Protein backbone atom coordinates (compact mmCIF):
# COMPACT_ATOMS: atom_id res chain seq x y z
CA MET A 1 -10.60 -40.99 47.13
CA PRO A 2 -12.56 -37.98 48.53
CA SER A 3 -11.41 -36.24 51.71
CA PRO A 4 -13.39 -36.47 55.02
CA GLN A 5 -14.52 -32.85 54.49
CA GLU A 6 -15.79 -33.59 51.00
CA ILE A 7 -17.69 -36.56 52.34
CA LEU A 8 -19.13 -34.48 55.18
CA THR A 9 -20.30 -31.89 52.62
CA GLU A 10 -22.00 -34.60 50.62
CA LEU A 11 -23.70 -36.01 53.69
CA LYS A 12 -25.37 -32.66 54.27
CA LYS A 13 -27.65 -33.69 51.43
CA VAL A 14 -28.99 -36.62 53.52
CA LYS A 15 -32.21 -35.51 55.30
CA TYR A 16 -33.34 -36.83 58.62
CA PRO A 17 -36.35 -39.06 57.71
CA GLY A 18 -39.54 -37.07 57.69
CA PHE A 19 -37.81 -33.70 58.10
CA THR A 20 -36.26 -31.04 55.96
CA ARG A 21 -33.01 -30.70 57.99
CA ASP A 22 -29.97 -32.88 57.26
CA ILE A 23 -28.30 -35.42 59.52
CA VAL A 24 -25.10 -33.38 59.77
CA SER A 25 -26.88 -30.36 61.29
CA PHE A 26 -28.47 -32.79 63.78
CA GLY A 27 -25.00 -33.87 64.91
CA LEU A 28 -25.35 -37.49 63.89
CA ILE A 29 -21.92 -37.72 62.17
CA LYS A 30 -19.29 -38.53 64.78
CA ASP A 31 -16.36 -39.41 62.59
CA ILE A 32 -15.32 -40.07 58.99
CA GLU A 33 -12.27 -42.22 58.25
CA VAL A 34 -10.80 -42.51 54.78
CA ALA A 35 -8.47 -45.46 54.15
CA TYR A 36 -7.16 -47.46 51.21
CA ALA A 37 -9.90 -50.14 51.65
CA GLY A 38 -12.73 -47.60 51.76
CA VAL A 39 -14.64 -45.07 53.86
CA THR A 40 -15.90 -45.62 57.42
CA VAL A 41 -18.63 -43.31 58.74
CA ALA A 42 -19.38 -43.38 62.46
CA LEU A 43 -22.91 -42.30 63.41
CA ALA A 44 -24.17 -41.34 66.83
CA ALA A 45 -27.35 -43.33 67.15
CA PRO A 46 -30.29 -40.94 67.40
CA ALA A 47 -33.03 -41.51 69.96
CA ALA A 48 -35.37 -42.84 67.33
CA LYS A 49 -37.17 -45.97 66.18
CA PRO A 50 -34.98 -48.78 64.66
CA GLU A 51 -36.48 -48.30 61.22
CA VAL A 52 -35.51 -44.63 61.26
CA ILE A 53 -31.91 -45.53 62.13
CA ASP A 54 -31.90 -48.17 59.41
CA GLN A 55 -33.08 -45.60 56.86
CA ILE A 56 -30.34 -43.17 57.90
CA VAL A 57 -27.68 -45.88 57.60
CA ALA A 58 -28.94 -46.86 54.18
CA ASP A 59 -29.00 -43.26 52.96
CA VAL A 60 -25.47 -42.62 54.24
CA ARG A 61 -24.14 -45.75 52.59
CA LYS A 62 -25.83 -44.92 49.28
CA THR A 63 -24.62 -41.29 49.30
CA VAL A 64 -20.99 -42.06 50.10
CA ALA A 65 -20.86 -45.01 47.70
CA ALA A 66 -22.00 -42.76 44.86
CA MET A 67 -18.93 -40.54 45.28
CA GLN A 68 -16.14 -41.03 42.77
CA GLY A 69 -13.23 -43.14 43.95
CA VAL A 70 -14.93 -44.81 46.94
CA PRO A 71 -14.29 -48.59 46.76
CA ALA A 72 -16.36 -49.54 49.80
CA VAL A 73 -18.47 -47.95 52.59
CA ASN A 74 -18.74 -49.09 56.15
CA VAL A 75 -21.29 -47.36 58.42
CA GLN A 76 -20.92 -47.86 62.17
CA VAL A 77 -23.71 -46.90 64.54
CA GLU A 78 -22.27 -46.15 67.98
CA GLN A 79 -24.99 -47.09 70.46
CA ALA A 80 -25.24 -45.27 73.70
CA THR A 81 -25.17 -47.12 77.02
CA PRO A 82 -28.71 -48.35 77.84
CA PRO A 83 -30.57 -46.05 80.28
CA GLN A 84 -30.85 -48.85 82.85
CA GLN A 85 -27.06 -49.33 82.96
CA ARG A 86 -26.43 -45.60 83.13
CA ALA A 87 -28.93 -45.21 85.97
CA ALA A 88 -27.42 -48.16 87.88
CA ALA A 89 -23.97 -46.58 87.73
CA MET A 90 -25.15 -43.28 89.21
CA PRO A 91 -25.44 -42.39 92.91
CA ALA A 92 -28.85 -43.05 94.41
CA LYS A 93 -31.29 -40.25 93.84
CA LYS A 94 -33.09 -38.79 96.84
CA PRO A 95 -36.87 -38.59 97.11
CA ILE A 96 -38.58 -35.60 98.70
CA PRO A 97 -40.41 -36.75 101.82
CA ALA A 98 -44.22 -36.84 101.45
CA VAL A 99 -44.07 -35.98 97.68
CA LYS A 100 -45.39 -38.89 95.64
CA HIS A 101 -44.41 -37.81 92.12
CA ILE A 102 -41.82 -35.29 90.89
CA VAL A 103 -42.22 -34.29 87.26
CA ALA A 104 -39.72 -32.06 85.43
CA VAL A 105 -40.87 -29.79 82.58
CA ALA A 106 -37.99 -29.13 80.18
CA SER A 107 -37.17 -27.64 76.77
CA GLY A 108 -34.09 -27.81 74.59
CA LYS A 109 -34.06 -24.02 74.19
CA GLY A 110 -35.74 -20.91 75.56
CA GLY A 111 -38.72 -19.07 74.10
CA VAL A 112 -41.02 -22.08 73.64
CA GLY A 113 -43.37 -21.29 76.54
CA LYS A 114 -42.00 -23.90 78.95
CA SER A 115 -42.82 -21.93 82.08
CA THR A 116 -46.31 -21.20 80.82
CA VAL A 117 -46.83 -24.95 80.34
CA ALA A 118 -45.30 -25.82 83.71
CA VAL A 119 -47.53 -23.34 85.58
CA ASN A 120 -50.74 -24.35 83.88
CA LEU A 121 -49.83 -28.06 84.01
CA ALA A 122 -49.50 -27.80 87.78
CA LEU A 123 -52.83 -25.98 88.01
CA ALA A 124 -54.44 -28.57 85.70
CA LEU A 125 -53.26 -31.40 87.91
CA ARG A 126 -54.75 -29.51 90.84
CA ALA A 127 -58.05 -29.18 88.94
CA LEU A 128 -58.04 -32.95 88.49
CA GLY A 129 -57.86 -33.42 92.25
CA TRP A 130 -54.12 -33.80 92.81
CA ARG A 131 -52.30 -31.96 95.64
CA THR A 132 -49.71 -30.10 93.63
CA GLY A 133 -46.57 -28.03 94.15
CA LEU A 134 -44.55 -25.96 91.65
CA MET A 135 -40.82 -25.24 91.89
CA ASP A 136 -39.14 -22.70 89.62
CA ALA A 137 -35.68 -24.20 89.03
CA ASP A 138 -34.61 -21.51 86.56
CA VAL A 139 -32.25 -19.54 88.71
CA TYR A 140 -31.14 -17.04 86.02
CA GLY A 141 -34.56 -16.30 84.53
CA PRO A 142 -37.20 -17.13 87.11
CA SER A 143 -40.73 -16.36 85.97
CA VAL A 144 -43.09 -18.57 88.00
CA ALA A 145 -43.53 -15.95 90.76
CA MET A 146 -44.72 -13.39 88.23
CA MET A 147 -47.03 -15.84 86.54
CA VAL A 148 -48.59 -17.15 89.78
CA GLY A 149 -48.28 -13.99 91.91
CA ALA A 150 -45.93 -13.07 94.74
CA LEU A 151 -48.32 -11.61 97.25
CA GLU A 152 -46.24 -12.08 100.39
CA ALA A 153 -42.71 -12.64 101.62
CA VAL A 154 -41.27 -16.14 102.03
CA LYS A 155 -41.07 -17.32 105.63
CA LEU A 156 -38.92 -19.82 107.42
CA THR A 157 -39.69 -22.46 110.05
CA ASP A 158 -37.94 -22.41 113.41
CA ASP A 159 -35.38 -24.84 112.02
CA ARG A 160 -34.64 -22.64 109.01
CA ARG A 161 -36.70 -24.58 106.41
CA ILE A 162 -38.41 -22.62 103.64
CA ILE A 163 -42.21 -22.38 103.65
CA PRO A 164 -43.51 -22.15 100.07
CA LEU A 165 -46.19 -19.68 99.11
CA GLU A 166 -49.64 -20.86 98.16
CA ARG A 167 -52.04 -19.53 95.54
CA TYR A 168 -54.77 -21.05 93.33
CA GLY A 169 -54.52 -24.13 95.46
CA ILE A 170 -50.90 -24.96 94.66
CA ARG A 171 -47.69 -24.43 96.71
CA TYR A 172 -44.89 -22.75 94.80
CA LEU A 173 -41.38 -21.40 95.16
CA SER A 174 -39.14 -19.33 92.88
CA MET A 175 -35.79 -17.57 93.01
CA ALA A 176 -37.68 -14.40 92.09
CA LEU A 177 -39.17 -14.40 95.59
CA PHE A 178 -35.74 -13.77 97.08
CA ILE A 179 -34.51 -10.99 94.77
CA ASN A 180 -36.02 -7.83 93.30
CA ASP A 181 -36.82 -7.24 89.65
CA GLN A 182 -33.62 -5.21 89.05
CA THR A 183 -31.19 -7.74 90.56
CA PRO A 184 -29.40 -9.97 88.04
CA VAL A 185 -28.33 -13.38 89.25
CA ILE A 186 -24.61 -13.62 88.50
CA TRP A 187 -23.62 -16.92 90.02
CA ARG A 188 -21.26 -19.72 89.08
CA GLY A 189 -22.23 -23.34 88.90
CA PRO A 190 -21.58 -24.44 92.50
CA MET A 191 -23.76 -21.64 93.88
CA VAL A 192 -26.57 -22.53 91.51
CA THR A 193 -26.27 -26.18 92.51
CA LYS A 194 -26.47 -25.29 96.21
CA LEU A 195 -29.59 -23.16 95.72
CA GLU A 196 -31.39 -25.81 93.67
CA THR A 197 -30.59 -28.40 96.36
CA GLU A 198 -32.03 -26.04 98.99
CA PHE A 199 -35.22 -25.62 96.98
CA LEU A 200 -35.60 -29.37 96.63
CA PHE A 201 -34.72 -30.69 100.02
CA ASN A 202 -35.00 -27.76 102.50
CA VAL A 203 -38.59 -26.79 101.74
CA GLU A 204 -41.71 -27.67 103.69
CA TRP A 205 -43.63 -28.94 100.65
CA GLY A 206 -45.98 -30.99 102.82
CA GLU A 207 -47.92 -33.91 101.38
CA LEU A 208 -48.15 -33.61 97.62
CA ASP A 209 -49.32 -35.95 94.88
CA CYS A 210 -47.04 -34.15 92.41
CA LEU A 211 -44.29 -31.51 92.48
CA VAL A 212 -43.82 -29.92 89.08
CA LEU A 213 -40.29 -28.62 88.40
CA ASP A 214 -39.88 -25.82 85.83
CA LEU A 215 -36.32 -26.56 84.62
CA PRO A 216 -34.10 -23.91 82.97
CA PRO A 217 -34.08 -24.08 79.19
CA GLY A 218 -31.38 -26.24 77.60
CA THR A 219 -29.44 -29.30 78.83
CA GLY A 220 -26.62 -27.89 80.86
CA ASP A 221 -25.19 -28.37 84.36
CA ALA A 222 -28.16 -26.87 86.24
CA GLN A 223 -30.57 -29.29 84.54
CA LEU A 224 -28.35 -32.32 85.02
CA THR A 225 -27.82 -31.45 88.70
CA ILE A 226 -31.52 -31.75 89.32
CA THR A 227 -32.11 -34.83 87.21
CA GLN A 228 -29.19 -36.61 88.86
CA ARG A 229 -29.95 -35.69 92.48
CA VAL A 230 -33.69 -36.00 92.89
CA ALA A 231 -35.84 -39.05 92.20
CA LEU A 232 -37.85 -37.82 89.20
CA ALA A 233 -40.99 -39.80 88.18
CA GLY A 234 -40.67 -38.46 84.61
CA GLY A 235 -39.99 -35.56 82.31
CA VAL A 236 -42.21 -33.56 79.99
CA ILE A 237 -40.61 -31.81 77.00
CA VAL A 238 -42.11 -28.60 75.53
CA THR A 239 -41.47 -27.72 71.90
CA THR A 240 -42.76 -25.64 69.02
CA PRO A 241 -43.89 -27.17 65.71
CA GLN A 242 -41.14 -26.26 63.24
CA ASP A 243 -38.55 -28.76 62.03
CA LEU A 244 -35.78 -26.70 63.62
CA ALA A 245 -37.05 -27.80 67.04
CA LEU A 246 -36.42 -31.51 66.44
CA LEU A 247 -32.78 -31.26 67.54
CA ASP A 248 -33.83 -29.52 70.78
CA VAL A 249 -36.44 -32.21 71.50
CA LYS A 250 -33.83 -34.86 70.86
CA ARG A 251 -31.47 -33.18 73.35
CA GLY A 252 -34.21 -33.13 75.97
CA VAL A 253 -35.08 -36.78 75.41
CA THR A 254 -31.39 -37.76 75.55
CA MET A 255 -30.85 -35.76 78.77
CA PHE A 256 -33.65 -37.68 80.56
CA GLN A 257 -32.51 -41.00 79.07
CA GLU A 258 -28.91 -40.39 80.20
CA VAL A 259 -30.04 -40.23 83.86
CA GLY A 260 -32.63 -43.00 83.63
CA VAL A 261 -35.72 -40.77 83.81
CA PRO A 262 -38.85 -41.80 81.83
CA VAL A 263 -39.96 -39.32 79.19
CA LEU A 264 -43.67 -38.89 79.87
CA GLY A 265 -44.17 -37.11 76.55
CA VAL A 266 -43.90 -34.05 74.31
CA VAL A 267 -46.16 -31.00 74.35
CA GLU A 268 -46.40 -28.89 71.20
CA ASN A 269 -46.88 -25.24 72.25
CA MET A 270 -47.70 -22.37 69.88
CA SER A 271 -49.23 -25.01 67.67
CA TYR A 272 -51.48 -22.56 65.80
CA TYR A 273 -53.23 -19.20 66.11
CA LEU A 274 -57.01 -18.93 66.07
CA CYS A 275 -58.02 -15.51 64.79
CA ARG A 276 -60.79 -13.94 66.89
CA LYS A 277 -62.10 -11.86 63.99
CA CYS A 278 -62.23 -14.31 61.14
CA GLY A 279 -62.25 -17.56 63.13
CA HIS A 280 -59.61 -19.07 60.86
CA ARG A 281 -56.75 -21.18 62.12
CA HIS A 282 -53.31 -19.91 61.19
CA GLU A 283 -50.36 -22.29 61.50
CA ILE A 284 -47.65 -19.63 62.00
CA PHE A 285 -44.84 -22.04 62.95
CA ALA A 286 -46.11 -24.95 60.81
CA HIS A 287 -48.05 -27.64 62.62
CA GLY A 288 -47.77 -31.23 63.80
CA GLY A 289 -44.04 -31.18 64.43
CA GLY A 290 -44.41 -32.12 68.06
CA ALA A 291 -46.42 -35.25 67.26
CA ARG A 292 -43.94 -36.15 64.51
CA TYR A 293 -40.91 -35.62 66.77
CA ALA A 294 -42.55 -37.78 69.48
CA GLU A 295 -43.16 -40.57 66.97
CA GLU A 296 -39.68 -40.40 65.55
CA LEU A 297 -38.12 -40.51 69.03
CA GLY A 298 -40.45 -43.17 70.32
CA VAL A 299 -42.05 -41.15 73.14
CA PRO A 300 -45.70 -40.23 73.80
CA PHE A 301 -47.32 -37.09 72.38
CA LEU A 302 -49.29 -35.35 75.17
CA GLY A 303 -51.10 -32.70 73.15
CA GLU A 304 -50.97 -29.33 71.38
CA LEU A 305 -51.61 -25.82 72.64
CA PRO A 306 -52.54 -22.81 70.47
CA ILE A 307 -51.33 -19.24 70.63
CA VAL A 308 -54.06 -17.37 72.57
CA ARG A 309 -54.05 -13.86 73.91
CA GLU A 310 -55.64 -14.90 77.18
CA VAL A 311 -52.75 -17.20 77.97
CA ARG A 312 -50.17 -14.41 77.46
CA GLU A 313 -52.26 -11.94 79.50
CA GLY A 314 -52.80 -14.43 82.26
CA GLY A 315 -49.06 -15.04 82.52
CA ASP A 316 -48.30 -11.29 82.60
CA ASN A 317 -50.95 -10.52 85.23
CA ALA A 318 -50.53 -13.52 87.56
CA ARG A 319 -53.88 -14.91 86.39
CA PRO A 320 -52.98 -18.26 84.71
CA ILE A 321 -55.71 -19.39 82.39
CA VAL A 322 -56.35 -22.82 83.98
CA ALA A 323 -57.09 -21.18 87.34
CA THR A 324 -58.98 -18.09 86.23
CA GLN A 325 -60.79 -19.26 83.09
CA PRO A 326 -61.41 -23.00 83.78
CA THR A 327 -64.00 -23.27 80.99
CA HIS A 328 -61.70 -21.83 78.28
CA ALA A 329 -60.79 -24.23 75.49
CA VAL A 330 -57.06 -23.84 76.30
CA ALA A 331 -57.72 -24.64 79.96
CA ALA A 332 -59.47 -27.81 78.74
CA ALA A 333 -56.39 -28.63 76.61
CA PHE A 334 -54.13 -28.31 79.64
CA LYS A 335 -56.37 -30.60 81.67
CA SER A 336 -56.27 -33.13 78.81
CA ILE A 337 -52.43 -32.98 78.85
CA ALA A 338 -52.46 -33.36 82.65
CA SER A 339 -54.63 -36.45 82.43
CA ARG A 340 -52.23 -37.97 79.94
CA VAL A 341 -49.31 -37.14 82.28
CA ILE A 342 -51.17 -39.04 85.04
CA GLU A 343 -51.69 -42.00 82.66
CA GLN A 344 -48.01 -42.06 81.84
CA LEU A 345 -47.02 -41.95 85.53
CA GLU A 346 -49.28 -44.89 86.15
CA HIS A 347 -47.86 -46.68 83.09
CA HIS A 348 -44.34 -46.32 84.38
CA GLY A 349 -45.40 -47.55 87.79
CA ASN A 350 -44.81 -44.25 89.59
């Protein structure tokens, strides 16, 4: 009879359906038990379609059964608690007065252009006629103020409520407005939680159709604090095309599902590069991964965005492309994504 470690090594040969990475690297193997009667493999059910899970189970059973000395194989899929039950067990989430929809933009890791998407998504919603706000919830690496422009100091009302800045027709707030560029934010969890709560509930956002939250990258305490405390209408997940990003998308989907928040969809950023000189399309990070991830995980695909110099320059110079170059093809892509977000909000009854 093989050992659990030998079985785990063999299971590294089992690929996640449709991808080049294996199910072990995706964290799907929870436990392996070897007994006289046979081998039992416990799988953490991925957030995927039933047929994908069935394929994984079949591949695991076939792989382990083919090992020498294994008399029988039992594969157990440990289902997570349904989102509705998890949400019902949580404390009631607070709405923000006069804000109709709150949409969180998230990513499983940094470096995928999440803040760029959040800023331009907010501006695209504004271009479609929605009154929009933008909150930078990334305390440790705030970038919204630089991308939109911090032209004046933040002011307070007489009762000590924060008045957000306004530019390009949207109201926005960021931790960067309260510190200088050379000041690192070295805070522990409770202080971060307190600041995020202030930004959500002690700000004069006014009447908004949508408040876009730029979450920190990852799925840690700061992200969970927000998703558990405020009544989110939905979440948007930003990814890049390569297979390596699937695990990060899965984490983002799981985070929202754990707190009963609808996943409005996946955006594939850095989808391709369009050369200005030759006009050819170069798929630097592969292509189509975002759509494939969305299909595998059973969530909508909102659209793809190319690598374009104007987007980078706009972010560096506080001239976001949707606001300053509204006829650009990428600005049109953001508006298309924004319209799909609106459709999903209506679909979920928000």
